[in-house]
């Protein structure tokens, strides 16, 4: 007799229970960075909207930031950390390469023996993590999931590079995801275009650095290429996420794009024809571009400043290195 395998199923719906955040300890104003790139405070503000960015002290790494954000998210969620059985960390700045940031954080916050793995999808990483947490819980592979975006990008900055160095900050944002009686996370629209991978990414490999043929790898970008792609192509992705979630722009309470550049955010809002009632996340002004951490950090700040947004719909979209992207509509906790 052939036995039939047991295939589990989980909750019908999921939602985000709470957010947590941790930012670098030091506020770095534009004036501190303009010398090496022969620029000015006015130039940086006009091109990016950044006034200052947070950066971590040398003793703090991406694992520490992730731990602090995770602890706040768990505490606010009301979920016992021992019940968190999946930890997903989105990052491009794991200082250890291996083991994963997620395994270390799971232990630190009391979630052992949770399944733990890291996701490298750059600025789309948090959206990827939310998509996976939603799928794992609805499939019965997890009951509660902790999703974290964490970066210490100051470790991969060339202070003399005019393409991206002045944009980058350090921080971590976390969210606890669990079962829900009603839909709280919409379908994820995600993908990539690796044919344009050279548009933004690391300029050298670690093996080249090891062999002495290249300096320490740092992030670089082709600004005009990334700007055009983000504005014109990612708007299509945002519209598709709204359509697949069955909502319209006028239904949104908030718009939380990756905090890459204030001009991109403004153009996004214009192209989407967002009504004035939609609150737009602009965390980049004082936090900078924190890659995988930017969406949860920006959402955390929105909810701190606008508690009335709780229970409303938010469109979040991430996009970045490798031209990877992900977008979904979520119910704010």
C-alpha atoms as a PDB file:
ATOM      1  CA  UNK A   1       0.000   0.000   0.000  1.00  0.00           C
ATOM      2  CA  UNK A   2       1.300   3.449  -0.927  1.00  0.00           C
ATOM      3  CA  UNK A   3       1.178   5.866   1.928  1.00  0.00           C
ATOM      4  CA  UNK A   4      -0.034   9.410   1.377  1.00  0.00           C
ATOM      5  CA  UNK A   5       2.266  12.104   2.636  1.00  0.00           C
ATOM      6  CA  UNK A   6       1.028  14.641   5.132  1.00  0.00           C
ATOM      7  CA  UNK A   7       1.206  18.112   3.637  1.00  0.00           C
ATOM      8  CA  UNK A   8       0.507  20.877   6.154  1.00  0.00           C
ATOM      9  CA  UNK A   9      -1.599  23.967   5.665  1.00  0.00           C
ATOM     10  CA  UNK A  10      -1.606  27.041   7.824  1.00  0.00           C
ATOM     11  CA  UNK A  11      -3.658  30.133   8.492  1.00  0.00           C
ATOM     12  CA  UNK A  12      -5.815  31.474   5.700  1.00  0.00           C
ATOM     13  CA  UNK A  13      -4.519  35.017   6.191  1.00  0.00           C
ATOM     14  CA  UNK A  14      -1.593  36.893   7.730  1.00  0.00           C
ATOM     15  CA  UNK A  15      -0.835  40.374   8.959  1.00  0.00           C
ATOM     16  CA  UNK A  16       1.983  42.466  10.410  1.00  0.00           C
ATOM     17  CA  UNK A  17       1.625  42.674  14.187  1.00  0.00           C
ATOM     18  CA  UNK A  18       4.222  45.341  15.013  1.00  0.00           C
ATOM     19  CA  UNK A  19       7.353  47.148  13.858  1.00  0.00           C
ATOM     20  CA  UNK A  20      10.635  47.826  15.625  1.00  0.00           C
ATOM     21  CA  UNK A  21      13.512  50.113  14.673  1.00  0.00           C
ATOM     22  CA  UNK A  22      17.155  50.877  15.438  1.00  0.00           C
ATOM     23  CA  UNK A  23      19.184  53.653  13.850  1.00  0.00           C
ATOM     24  CA  UNK A  24      22.897  54.345  13.890  1.00  0.00           C
ATOM     25  CA  UNK A  25      24.015  56.275  16.973  1.00  0.00           C
ATOM     26  CA  UNK A  26      25.591  59.210  15.096  1.00  0.00           C
ATOM     27  CA  UNK A  27      23.832  61.867  13.015  1.00  0.00           C
ATOM     28  CA  UNK A  28      26.125  62.799  10.119  1.00  0.00           C
ATOM     29  CA  UNK A  29      25.225  66.121   8.434  1.00  0.00           C
ATOM     30  CA  UNK A  30      26.025  66.891   4.816  1.00  0.00           C
ATOM     31  CA  UNK A  31      28.804  69.272   5.871  1.00  0.00           C
ATOM     32  CA  UNK A  32      30.815  66.325   7.204  1.00  0.00           C
ATOM     33  CA  UNK A  33      30.849  64.603   3.815  1.00  0.00           C
ATOM     34  CA  UNK A  34      31.205  67.354   1.214  1.00  0.00           C
ATOM     35  CA  UNK A  35      34.991  67.750   1.347  1.00  0.00           C
ATOM     36  CA  UNK A  36      36.044  64.406  -0.179  1.00  0.00           C
ATOM     37  CA  UNK A  37      33.441  64.663  -2.974  1.00  0.00           C
ATOM     38  CA  UNK A  38      34.051  68.386  -3.645  1.00  0.00           C
ATOM     39  CA  UNK A  39      30.382  69.203  -3.179  1.00  0.00           C
ATOM     40  CA  UNK A  40      28.086  71.298  -0.992  1.00  0.00           C
ATOM     41  CA  UNK A  41      25.209  70.924   1.442  1.00  0.00           C
ATOM     42  CA  UNK A  42      22.930  72.625  -1.092  1.00  0.00           C
ATOM     43  CA  UNK A  43      23.910  70.182  -3.881  1.00  0.00           C
ATOM     44  CA  UNK A  44      23.173  67.124  -1.732  1.00  0.00           C
ATOM     45  CA  UNK A  45      19.839  68.543  -0.529  1.00  0.00           C
ATOM     46  CA  UNK A  46      18.697  69.430  -4.036  1.00  0.00           C
ATOM     47  CA  UNK A  47      19.681  66.088  -5.576  1.00  0.00           C
ATOM     48  CA  UNK A  48      18.630  63.762  -2.753  1.00  0.00           C
ATOM     49  CA  UNK A  49      16.591  65.592  -0.101  1.00  0.00           C
ATOM     50  CA  UNK A  50      18.998  64.391   2.601  1.00  0.00           C
ATOM     51  CA  UNK A  51      19.873  66.803   5.394  1.00  0.00           C
ATOM     52  CA  UNK A  52      21.608  64.277   7.640  1.00  0.00           C
ATOM     53  CA  UNK A  53      21.941  60.502   7.884  1.00  0.00           C
ATOM     54  CA  UNK A  54      22.402  58.111  10.800  1.00  0.00           C
ATOM     55  CA  UNK A  55      25.554  56.027  10.987  1.00  0.00           C
ATOM     56  CA  UNK A  56      26.680  53.499  13.552  1.00  0.00           C
ATOM     57  CA  UNK A  57      29.797  53.725  15.679  1.00  0.00           C
ATOM     58  CA  UNK A  58      32.603  51.257  14.837  1.00  0.00           C
ATOM     59  CA  UNK A  59      31.631  48.933  17.706  1.00  0.00           C
ATOM     60  CA  UNK A  60      28.082  48.461  16.351  1.00  0.00           C
ATOM     61  CA  UNK A  61      27.463  46.139  13.412  1.00  0.00           C
ATOM     62  CA  UNK A  62      24.434  45.105  11.368  1.00  0.00           C
ATOM     63  CA  UNK A  63      23.783  42.193  13.759  1.00  0.00           C
ATOM     64  CA  UNK A  64      23.544  44.540  16.746  1.00  0.00           C
ATOM     65  CA  UNK A  65      21.172  46.862  14.898  1.00  0.00           C
ATOM     66  CA  UNK A  66      19.003  43.920  13.831  1.00  0.00           C
ATOM     67  CA  UNK A  67      18.847  42.625  17.396  1.00  0.00           C
ATOM     68  CA  UNK A  68      17.664  45.956  18.810  1.00  0.00           C
ATOM     69  CA  UNK A  69      14.978  46.384  16.138  1.00  0.00           C
ATOM     70  CA  UNK A  70      13.808  42.784  16.578  1.00  0.00           C
ATOM     71  CA  UNK A  71      13.457  43.113  20.340  1.00  0.00           C
ATOM     72  CA  UNK A  72      11.231  46.175  19.968  1.00  0.00           C
ATOM     73  CA  UNK A  73       9.063  44.521  17.311  1.00  0.00           C
ATOM     74  CA  UNK A  74       8.578  41.395  19.439  1.00  0.00           C
ATOM     75  CA  UNK A  75       7.777  43.388  22.569  1.00  0.00           C
ATOM     76  CA  UNK A  76       5.222  45.535  20.723  1.00  0.00           C
ATOM     77  CA  UNK A  77       3.662  42.506  19.036  1.00  0.00           C
ATOM     78  CA  UNK A  78       2.793  40.755  22.278  1.00  0.00           C
ATOM     79  CA  UNK A  79       4.065  37.470  20.805  1.00  0.00           C
ATOM     80  CA  UNK A  80       6.282  35.371  23.056  1.00  0.00           C
ATOM     81  CA  UNK A  81       9.685  35.148  21.305  1.00  0.00           C
ATOM     82  CA  UNK A  82       9.711  31.377  21.845  1.00  0.00           C
ATOM     83  CA  UNK A  83       6.724  31.162  19.499  1.00  0.00           C
ATOM     84  CA  UNK A  84       8.610  32.823  16.637  1.00  0.00           C
ATOM     85  CA  UNK A  85       9.621  29.881  14.484  1.00  0.00           C
ATOM     86  CA  UNK A  86      11.041  31.675  11.423  1.00  0.00           C
ATOM     87  CA  UNK A  87      13.535  34.542  11.334  1.00  0.00           C
ATOM     88  CA  UNK A  88      14.270  36.145   7.976  1.00  0.00           C
ATOM     89  CA  UNK A  89      16.916  38.863   7.725  1.00  0.00           C
ATOM     90  CA  UNK A  90      17.387  40.993   4.609  1.00  0.00           C
ATOM     91  CA  UNK A  91      20.880  42.479   4.395  1.00  0.00           C
ATOM     92  CA  UNK A  92      23.867  43.098   2.162  1.00  0.00           C
ATOM     93  CA  UNK A  93      26.175  43.980   5.052  1.00  0.00           C
ATOM     94  CA  UNK A  94      26.550  40.845   7.181  1.00  0.00           C
ATOM     95  CA  UNK A  95      30.011  41.443   8.672  1.00  0.00           C
ATOM     96  CA  UNK A  96      30.597  37.699   9.025  1.00  0.00           C
ATOM     97  CA  UNK A  97      29.357  36.477   5.620  1.00  0.00           C
ATOM     98  CA  UNK A  98      28.472  33.304   7.497  1.00  0.00           C
ATOM     99  CA  UNK A  99      26.893  32.322   9.851  1.00  0.00           C
ATOM    100  CA  UNK A 100      23.739  34.188   8.981  1.00  0.00           C
ATOM    101  CA  UNK A 101      22.661  37.324  10.797  1.00  0.00           C
ATOM    102  CA  UNK A 102      19.278  35.646  11.284  1.00  0.00           C
ATOM    103  CA  UNK A 103      20.616  32.691  13.270  1.00  0.00           C
ATOM    104  CA  UNK A 104      22.531  34.960  15.642  1.00  0.00           C
ATOM    105  CA  UNK A 105      19.572  37.316  16.108  1.00  0.00           C
ATOM    106  CA  UNK A 106      17.164  34.400  16.663  1.00  0.00           C
ATOM    107  CA  UNK A 107      19.356  33.258  19.544  1.00  0.00           C
ATOM    108  CA  UNK A 108      19.749  36.747  20.995  1.00  0.00           C
ATOM    109  CA  UNK A 109      16.011  37.457  21.098  1.00  0.00           C
ATOM    110  CA  UNK A 110      14.987  34.060  22.491  1.00  0.00           C
ATOM    111  CA  UNK A 111      13.592  32.503  19.316  1.00  0.00           C
ATOM    112  CA  UNK A 112      15.749  29.349  19.296  1.00  0.00           C
ATOM    113  CA  UNK A 113      15.355  26.941  17.543  1.00  0.00           C
ATOM    114  CA  UNK A 114      13.591  28.996  14.846  1.00  0.00           C
ATOM    115  CA  UNK A 115      14.376  28.415  11.199  1.00  0.00           C
ATOM    116  CA  UNK A 116      16.705  31.259  10.245  1.00  0.00           C
ATOM    117  CA  UNK A 117      18.110  32.500   6.966  1.00  0.00           C
ATOM    118  CA  UNK A 118      19.348  35.686   5.302  1.00  0.00           C
ATOM    119  CA  UNK A 119      18.039  37.212   2.081  1.00  0.00           C
ATOM    120  CA  UNK A 120      20.278  39.236  -0.237  1.00  0.00           C
ATOM    121  CA  UNK A 121      17.896  41.297  -2.343  1.00  0.00           C
ATOM    122  CA  UNK A 122      19.405  44.689  -1.493  1.00  0.00           C
ATOM    123  CA  UNK A 123      16.813  47.459  -1.162  1.00  0.00           C
ATOM    124  CA  UNK A 124      13.976  45.059  -2.042  1.00  0.00           C
ATOM    125  CA  UNK A 125      15.000  42.668   0.725  1.00  0.00           C
ATOM    126  CA  UNK A 126      12.362  43.618   3.276  1.00  0.00           C
ATOM    127  CA  UNK A 127       9.540  43.261   0.728  1.00  0.00           C
ATOM    128  CA  UNK A 128      10.974  39.847  -0.177  1.00  0.00           C
ATOM    129  CA  UNK A 129      11.064  38.881   3.499  1.00  0.00           C
ATOM    130  CA  UNK A 130       7.445  39.885   4.057  1.00  0.00           C
ATOM    131  CA  UNK A 131       6.411  37.854   1.005  1.00  0.00           C
ATOM    132  CA  UNK A 132       8.197  34.785   2.336  1.00  0.00           C
ATOM    133  CA  UNK A 133       6.862  35.161   5.882  1.00  0.00           C
ATOM    134  CA  UNK A 134       3.325  35.418   4.523  1.00  0.00           C
ATOM    135  CA  UNK A 135       3.809  32.319   2.368  1.00  0.00           C
ATOM    136  CA  UNK A 136       5.464  30.274   5.144  1.00  0.00           C
ATOM    137  CA  UNK A 137       2.667  30.959   7.618  1.00  0.00           C
ATOM    138  CA  UNK A 138      -0.142  30.281   5.153  1.00  0.00           C
ATOM    139  CA  UNK A 139       1.607  27.062   4.100  1.00  0.00           C
ATOM    140  CA  UNK A 140       1.857  25.865   7.698  1.00  0.00           C
ATOM    141  CA  UNK A 141       5.664  25.975   7.684  1.00  0.00           C
ATOM    142  CA  UNK A 142       5.710  28.636  10.425  1.00  0.00           C
ATOM    143  CA  UNK A 143       3.311  30.132  12.935  1.00  0.00           C
ATOM    144  CA  UNK A 144       4.991  33.477  13.613  1.00  0.00           C
ATOM    145  CA  UNK A 145       7.811  35.034  11.630  1.00  0.00           C
ATOM    146  CA  UNK A 146      10.257  37.815  12.387  1.00  0.00           C
ATOM    147  CA  UNK A 147      11.321  39.806   9.312  1.00  0.00           C
ATOM    148  CA  UNK A 148      14.262  42.196   9.630  1.00  0.00           C
ATOM    149  CA  UNK A 149      16.010  44.560   7.245  1.00  0.00           C
ATOM    150  CA  UNK A 150      19.406  45.598   8.606  1.00  0.00           C
ATOM    151  CA  UNK A 151      22.389  47.431   7.146  1.00  0.00           C
ATOM    152  CA  UNK A 152      25.642  49.029   8.189  1.00  0.00           C
ATOM    153  CA  UNK A 153      26.401  50.604   4.842  1.00  0.00           C
ATOM    154  CA  UNK A 154      29.063  52.886   6.287  1.00  0.00           C
ATOM    155  CA  UNK A 155      31.300  49.799   6.146  1.00  0.00           C
ATOM    156  CA  UNK A 156      31.049  49.747   2.349  1.00  0.00           C
ATOM    157  CA  UNK A 157      31.340  53.469   1.592  1.00  0.00           C
ATOM    158  CA  UNK A 158      34.105  55.194  -0.336  1.00  0.00           C
ATOM    159  CA  UNK A 159      34.046  58.767   1.035  1.00  0.00           C
ATOM    160  CA  UNK A 160      35.433  60.108  -2.268  1.00  0.00           C
ATOM    161  CA  UNK A 161      32.726  58.535  -4.456  1.00  0.00           C
ATOM    162  CA  UNK A 162      30.173  61.070  -5.742  1.00  0.00           C
ATOM    163  CA  UNK A 163      27.712  58.446  -7.028  1.00  0.00           C
ATOM    164  CA  UNK A 164      26.307  57.041  -3.788  1.00  0.00           C
ATOM    165  CA  UNK A 165      28.506  57.514  -0.687  1.00  0.00           C
ATOM    166  CA  UNK A 166      26.664  60.582   0.652  1.00  0.00           C
ATOM    167  CA  UNK A 167      23.321  58.769   0.400  1.00  0.00           C
ATOM    168  CA  UNK A 168      24.023  55.894   2.729  1.00  0.00           C
ATOM    169  CA  UNK A 169      23.073  55.396   6.374  1.00  0.00           C
ATOM    170  CA  UNK A 170      22.969  52.609   8.970  1.00  0.00           C
ATOM    171  CA  UNK A 171      19.960  51.105  10.684  1.00  0.00           C
ATOM    172  CA  UNK A 172      17.549  48.205  11.071  1.00  0.00           C
ATOM    173  CA  UNK A 173      13.798  47.755  10.968  1.00  0.00           C
ATOM    174  CA  UNK A 174      11.857  44.657  12.004  1.00  0.00           C
ATOM    175  CA  UNK A 175       8.320  43.322  11.790  1.00  0.00           C
ATOM    176  CA  UNK A 176       6.522  40.410  13.426  1.00  0.00           C
ATOM    177  CA  UNK A 177       4.167  38.591  11.042  1.00  0.00           C
ATOM    178  CA  UNK A 178       1.509  36.129  12.168  1.00  0.00           C
ATOM    179  CA  UNK A 179      -1.910  34.636  11.414  1.00  0.00           C
ATOM    180  CA  UNK A 180      -4.950  36.846  10.913  1.00  0.00           C
ATOM    181  CA  UNK A 181      -8.712  36.454  10.622  1.00  0.00           C
ATOM    182  CA  UNK A 182      -8.711  38.847   7.659  1.00  0.00           C
ATOM    183  CA  UNK A 183      -6.199  39.522   4.846  1.00  0.00           C
ATOM    184  CA  UNK A 184      -3.385  41.794   6.038  1.00  0.00           C
ATOM    185  CA  UNK A 185      -0.713  41.251   3.380  1.00  0.00           C
ATOM    186  CA  UNK A 186      -1.536  41.553  -0.294  1.00  0.00           C
ATOM    187  CA  UNK A 187       0.045  39.657  -3.201  1.00  0.00           C
ATOM    188  CA  UNK A 188       3.706  40.480  -3.790  1.00  0.00           C
ATOM    189  CA  UNK A 189       4.822  41.683  -7.199  1.00  0.00           C
ATOM    190  CA  UNK A 190       8.527  40.918  -7.422  1.00  0.00           C
ATOM    191  CA  UNK A 191      11.298  40.246  -9.900  1.00  0.00           C
ATOM    192  CA  UNK A 192      14.672  41.376 -11.175  1.00  0.00           C
ATOM    193  CA  UNK A 193      16.612  42.489 -14.227  1.00  0.00           C
ATOM    194  CA  UNK A 194      20.119  41.113 -13.830  1.00  0.00           C
ATOM    195  CA  UNK A 195      21.076  42.297 -17.316  1.00  0.00           C
ATOM    196  CA  UNK A 196      21.546  45.742 -15.740  1.00  0.00           C
ATOM    197  CA  UNK A 197      23.334  44.474 -12.636  1.00  0.00           C
ATOM    198  CA  UNK A 198      26.227  46.873 -13.188  1.00  0.00           C
ATOM    199  CA  UNK A 199      23.950  49.882 -12.665  1.00  0.00           C
ATOM    200  CA  UNK A 200      24.293  49.630  -8.884  1.00  0.00           C
ATOM    201  CA  UNK A 201      26.343  47.258  -6.757  1.00  0.00           C
ATOM    202  CA  UNK A 202      29.787  46.483  -5.382  1.00  0.00           C
ATOM    203  CA  UNK A 203      32.719  47.630  -7.499  1.00  0.00           C
ATOM    204  CA  UNK A 204      35.054  44.769  -6.572  1.00  0.00           C
ATOM    205  CA  UNK A 205      34.946  41.255  -5.098  1.00  0.00           C
ATOM    206  CA  UNK A 206      36.323  40.068  -1.779  1.00  0.00           C
ATOM    207  CA  UNK A 207      38.665  37.682  -3.574  1.00  0.00           C
ATOM    208  CA  UNK A 208      40.101  40.590  -5.580  1.00  0.00           C
ATOM    209  CA  UNK A 209      40.675  42.430  -2.310  1.00  0.00           C
ATOM    210  CA  UNK A 210      42.235  39.318  -0.752  1.00  0.00           C
ATOM    211  CA  UNK A 211      44.615  38.906  -3.676  1.00  0.00           C
ATOM    212  CA  UNK A 212      45.680  42.538  -3.513  1.00  0.00           C
ATOM    213  CA  UNK A 213      44.424  43.444  -6.994  1.00  0.00           C
ATOM    214  CA  UNK A 214      41.633  45.768  -5.822  1.00  0.00           C
ATOM    215  CA  UNK A 215      40.835  47.973  -2.813  1.00  0.00           C
ATOM    216  CA  UNK A 216      38.112  47.168  -0.265  1.00  0.00           C
ATOM    217  CA  UNK A 217      34.827  46.695  -2.214  1.00  0.00           C
ATOM    218  CA  UNK A 218      32.380  49.601  -1.959  1.00  0.00           C
ATOM    219  CA  UNK A 219      28.958  50.414  -3.346  1.00  0.00           C
ATOM    220  CA  UNK A 220      28.749  52.388  -6.617  1.00  0.00           C
ATOM    221  CA  UNK A 221      25.901  53.333  -8.904  1.00  0.00           C
ATOM    222  CA  UNK A 222      25.080  54.878 -12.250  1.00  0.00           C
ATOM    223  CA  UNK A 223      22.770  57.529 -10.879  1.00  0.00           C
ATOM    224  CA  UNK A 224      20.864  58.517 -14.052  1.00  0.00           C
ATOM    225  CA  UNK A 225      20.270  54.859 -15.007  1.00  0.00           C
ATOM    226  CA  UNK A 226      18.936  53.954 -11.569  1.00  0.00           C
ATOM    227  CA  UNK A 227      16.773  57.096 -11.417  1.00  0.00           C
ATOM    228  CA  UNK A 228      15.083  56.395 -14.762  1.00  0.00           C
ATOM    229  CA  UNK A 229      14.522  52.735 -13.915  1.00  0.00           C
ATOM    230  CA  UNK A 230      13.129  53.512 -10.471  1.00  0.00           C
ATOM    231  CA  UNK A 231      10.746  56.206 -11.671  1.00  0.00           C
ATOM    232  CA  UNK A 232       9.394  54.695 -14.862  1.00  0.00           C
ATOM    233  CA  UNK A 233       9.633  50.934 -14.357  1.00  0.00           C
ATOM    234  CA  UNK A 234       8.904  50.743 -10.623  1.00  0.00           C
ATOM    235  CA  UNK A 235       5.757  52.844 -10.979  1.00  0.00           C
ATOM    236  CA  UNK A 236       4.409  50.042 -13.172  1.00  0.00           C
ATOM    237  CA  UNK A 237       5.229  47.534 -10.426  1.00  0.00           C
ATOM    238  CA  UNK A 238       3.501  49.705  -7.812  1.00  0.00           C
ATOM    239  CA  UNK A 239       0.373  49.940  -9.964  1.00  0.00           C
ATOM    240  CA  UNK A 240       0.390  46.172 -10.448  1.00  0.00           C
ATOM    241  CA  UNK A 241       0.660  45.617  -6.673  1.00  0.00           C
ATOM    242  CA  UNK A 242      -2.387  47.836  -6.151  1.00  0.00           C
ATOM    243  CA  UNK A 243      -4.327  45.995  -8.849  1.00  0.00           C
ATOM    244  CA  UNK A 244      -3.479  42.529  -7.548  1.00  0.00           C
ATOM    245  CA  UNK A 245      -4.450  43.585  -4.019  1.00  0.00           C
ATOM    246  CA  UNK A 246      -7.793  44.775  -5.350  1.00  0.00           C
ATOM    247  CA  UNK A 247      -7.370  48.357  -4.177  1.00  0.00           C
ATOM    248  CA  UNK A 248      -6.856  51.776  -5.714  1.00  0.00           C
ATOM    249  CA  UNK A 249      -4.444  54.573  -4.856  1.00  0.00           C
ATOM    250  CA  UNK A 250      -7.309  56.450  -3.212  1.00  0.00           C
ATOM    251  CA  UNK A 251      -7.765  53.547  -0.754  1.00  0.00           C
ATOM    252  CA  UNK A 252      -4.268  53.981   0.667  1.00  0.00           C
ATOM    253  CA  UNK A 253      -3.498  55.589   3.987  1.00  0.00           C
ATOM    254  CA  UNK A 254       0.259  55.591   3.369  1.00  0.00           C
ATOM    255  CA  UNK A 255       2.887  55.122   0.672  1.00  0.00           C
ATOM    256  CA  UNK A 256       6.235  53.690   1.800  1.00  0.00           C
ATOM    257  CA  UNK A 257       8.736  53.466  -1.055  1.00  0.00           C
ATOM    258  CA  UNK A 258      12.362  52.503  -0.582  1.00  0.00           C
ATOM    259  CA  UNK A 259      14.100  55.609   0.735  1.00  0.00           C
ATOM    260  CA  UNK A 260      16.560  55.964  -2.130  1.00  0.00           C
ATOM    261  CA  UNK A 261      16.191  59.607  -3.102  1.00  0.00           C
ATOM    262  CA  UNK A 262      13.602  62.282  -2.324  1.00  0.00           C
ATOM    263  CA  UNK A 263      13.267  63.188  -5.999  1.00  0.00           C
ATOM    264  CA  UNK A 264      12.385  59.579  -6.818  1.00  0.00           C
ATOM    265  CA  UNK A 265       9.815  59.542  -4.013  1.00  0.00           C
ATOM    266  CA  UNK A 266       8.220  62.789  -5.251  1.00  0.00           C
ATOM    267  CA  UNK A 267       8.089  61.567  -8.844  1.00  0.00           C
ATOM    268  CA  UNK A 268       6.630  58.252  -7.676  1.00  0.00           C
ATOM    269  CA  UNK A 269       3.787  60.029  -5.904  1.00  0.00           C
ATOM    270  CA  UNK A 270       3.137  62.187  -8.964  1.00  0.00           C
ATOM    271  CA  UNK A 271       3.055  59.235 -11.351  1.00  0.00           C
ATOM    272  CA  UNK A 272       0.763  57.212  -9.065  1.00  0.00           C
ATOM    273  CA  UNK A 273      -1.568  60.225  -8.730  1.00  0.00           C
ATOM    274  CA  UNK A 274      -1.732  59.767  -4.980  1.00  0.00           C
ATOM    275  CA  UNK A 275      -4.401  61.915  -3.313  1.00  0.00           C
ATOM    276  CA  UNK A 276      -3.294  64.414  -0.670  1.00  0.00           C
ATOM    277  CA  UNK A 277      -4.825  62.190   2.013  1.00  0.00           C
ATOM    278  CA  UNK A 278      -2.050  59.599   1.495  1.00  0.00           C
ATOM    279  CA  UNK A 279       0.844  60.090   3.930  1.00  0.00           C
ATOM    280  CA  UNK A 280       4.164  59.595   2.138  1.00  0.00           C
ATOM    281  CA  UNK A 281       7.198  58.269   3.995  1.00  0.00           C
ATOM    282  CA  UNK A 282      10.173  60.628   3.754  1.00  0.00           C
ATOM    283  CA  UNK A 283      12.499  59.094   6.330  1.00  0.00           C
ATOM    284  CA  UNK A 284      15.450  59.594   3.975  1.00  0.00           C
ATOM    285  CA  UNK A 285      15.735  63.243   5.024  1.00  0.00           C
ATOM    286  CA  UNK A 286      17.253  62.385   8.400  1.00  0.00           C
ATOM    287  CA  UNK A 287      18.120  58.674   8.150  1.00  0.00           C
ATOM    288  CA  UNK A 288      19.566  58.390   4.643  1.00  0.00           C
ATOM    289  CA  UNK A 289      19.358  55.400   2.327  1.00  0.00           C
ATOM    290  CA  UNK A 290      19.558  52.256   4.454  1.00  0.00           C
ATOM    291  CA  UNK A 291      18.877  49.718   1.688  1.00  0.00           C
ATOM    292  CA  UNK A 292      16.999  46.693   3.113  1.00  0.00           C
ATOM    293  CA  UNK A 293      16.225  48.581   6.329  1.00  0.00           C
ATOM    294  CA  UNK A 294      14.616  51.612   4.705  1.00  0.00           C
ATOM    295  CA  UNK A 295      11.006  50.398   4.357  1.00  0.00           C
ATOM    296  CA  UNK A 296      10.561  49.135   7.948  1.00  0.00           C
ATOM    297  CA  UNK A 297      12.421  52.157   9.357  1.00  0.00           C
ATOM    298  CA  UNK A 298      10.232  54.547   7.364  1.00  0.00           C
ATOM    299  CA  UNK A 299       7.061  52.680   8.357  1.00  0.00           C
ATOM    300  CA  UNK A 300       8.062  52.683  12.015  1.00  0.00           C
ATOM    301  CA  UNK A 301       8.549  56.463  11.911  1.00  0.00           C
ATOM    302  CA  UNK A 302       5.245  57.009  10.103  1.00  0.00           C
ATOM    303  CA  UNK A 303       3.372  55.085  12.773  1.00  0.00           C
ATOM    304  CA  UNK A 304       5.175  56.999  15.534  1.00  0.00           C
ATOM    305  CA  UNK A 305       4.280  60.354  13.970  1.00  0.00           C
ATOM    306  CA  UNK A 306       0.828  59.361  12.659  1.00  0.00           C
ATOM    307  CA  UNK A 307      -0.750  56.764  14.990  1.00  0.00           C
ATOM    308  CA  UNK A 308      -4.049  57.343  13.203  1.00  0.00           C
ATOM    309  CA  UNK A 309      -2.629  55.359  10.263  1.00  0.00           C
ATOM    310  CA  UNK A 310      -2.987  52.129  12.264  1.00  0.00           C
ATOM    311  CA  UNK A 311      -5.372  49.776  10.467  1.00  0.00           C
ATOM    312  CA  UNK A 312      -4.967  51.628   7.180  1.00  0.00           C
ATOM    313  CA  UNK A 313      -3.496  50.315   3.941  1.00  0.00           C
ATOM    314  CA  UNK A 314       0.101  51.025   2.963  1.00  0.00           C
ATOM    315  CA  UNK A 315       1.785  50.380  -0.364  1.00  0.00           C
ATOM    316  CA  UNK A 316       5.429  49.465   0.145  1.00  0.00           C
ATOM    317  CA  UNK A 317       7.916  48.987  -2.681  1.00  0.00           C
ATOM    318  CA  UNK A 318      11.607  48.178  -2.606  1.00  0.00           C
ATOM    319  CA  UNK A 319      14.088  48.315  -5.475  1.00  0.00           C
ATOM    320  CA  UNK A 320      17.853  48.304  -5.746  1.00  0.00           C
ATOM    321  CA  UNK A 321      21.114  46.532  -6.593  1.00  0.00           C
ATOM    322  CA  UNK A 322      20.826  43.874  -9.258  1.00  0.00           C
ATOM    323  CA  UNK A 323      17.705  45.784 -10.280  1.00  0.00           C
ATOM    324  CA  UNK A 324      15.696  43.601  -7.896  1.00  0.00           C
ATOM    325  CA  UNK A 325      12.247  44.785  -6.885  1.00  0.00           C
ATOM    326  CA  UNK A 326       9.300  43.837  -4.698  1.00  0.00           C
ATOM    327  CA  UNK A 327       6.007  45.529  -3.809  1.00  0.00           C
ATOM    328  CA  UNK A 328       2.915  44.687  -1.770  1.00  0.00           C
ATOM    329  CA  UNK A 329      -0.007  46.362  -0.014  1.00  0.00           C
ATOM    330  CA  UNK A 330      -0.189  45.712   3.736  1.00  0.00           C
ATOM    331  CA  UNK A 331      -2.492  46.626   6.598  1.00  0.00           C
ATOM    332  CA  UNK A 332      -0.574  48.753   9.089  1.00  0.00           C
ATOM    333  CA  UNK A 333      -0.540  47.383  12.657  1.00  0.00           C
END
